[in-house]
């Protein structure tokens, strides 16, 4: 129906819906450039125009996708890693994770490699649970979440800057670690939600 055919209340709803639809239209990029780049990531500056006509510079982080895995052994215990994280200046409890490299055949290949490198974990079975936007207001990077069952069979070959202590814990301890703030990584919390509902 045309807006002129609607009653007063319906007409108001029609205008509000049009306004909401307008707000969600894509922003236009009018110019862009890379303003920072190293071997790990880039920062791209885009000059953009919103649907309402406002103009602004938007800075976007570009990096390879990352992978994370909740690993369970035959006793149904969950593998966690402890390592010092310089940005937050504390020891963090996390699941094995890393970034997908250009020579990885797939994200599954990437997480299998990371598991071997970081803790020597061999996955007998592995399942992708989801792909999540890492930080949609800032980055194009996505995180691929996996659930695996297996065991630690080989010695880790992690990088010299990765000082990792790994252990298997009861699933209930994971929730306690989250409550205590020891496991506070957003990717780990997302992975916990996805894996624990399986």
Foldseek 3Di string as FASTA:
>chain_A
DDLVPDDPVVNVVVVVVVVVVLQPDDKDFPDKDWPDDDPFWTWMWTFIAGSVGDTDIAIAIEGAAKEFEFEAEPVRFTKWKWDADVVVGGIAIATQMDGDDPPQPDNVSVSQVSCCQQQQWHFPDKDWQDKAQQDVRHYPYIYIYMYTYTGRDDHHNYDPVTDIDMDTHHLVVVVVCVVVVRHPRPVRVVNNVRVVVD
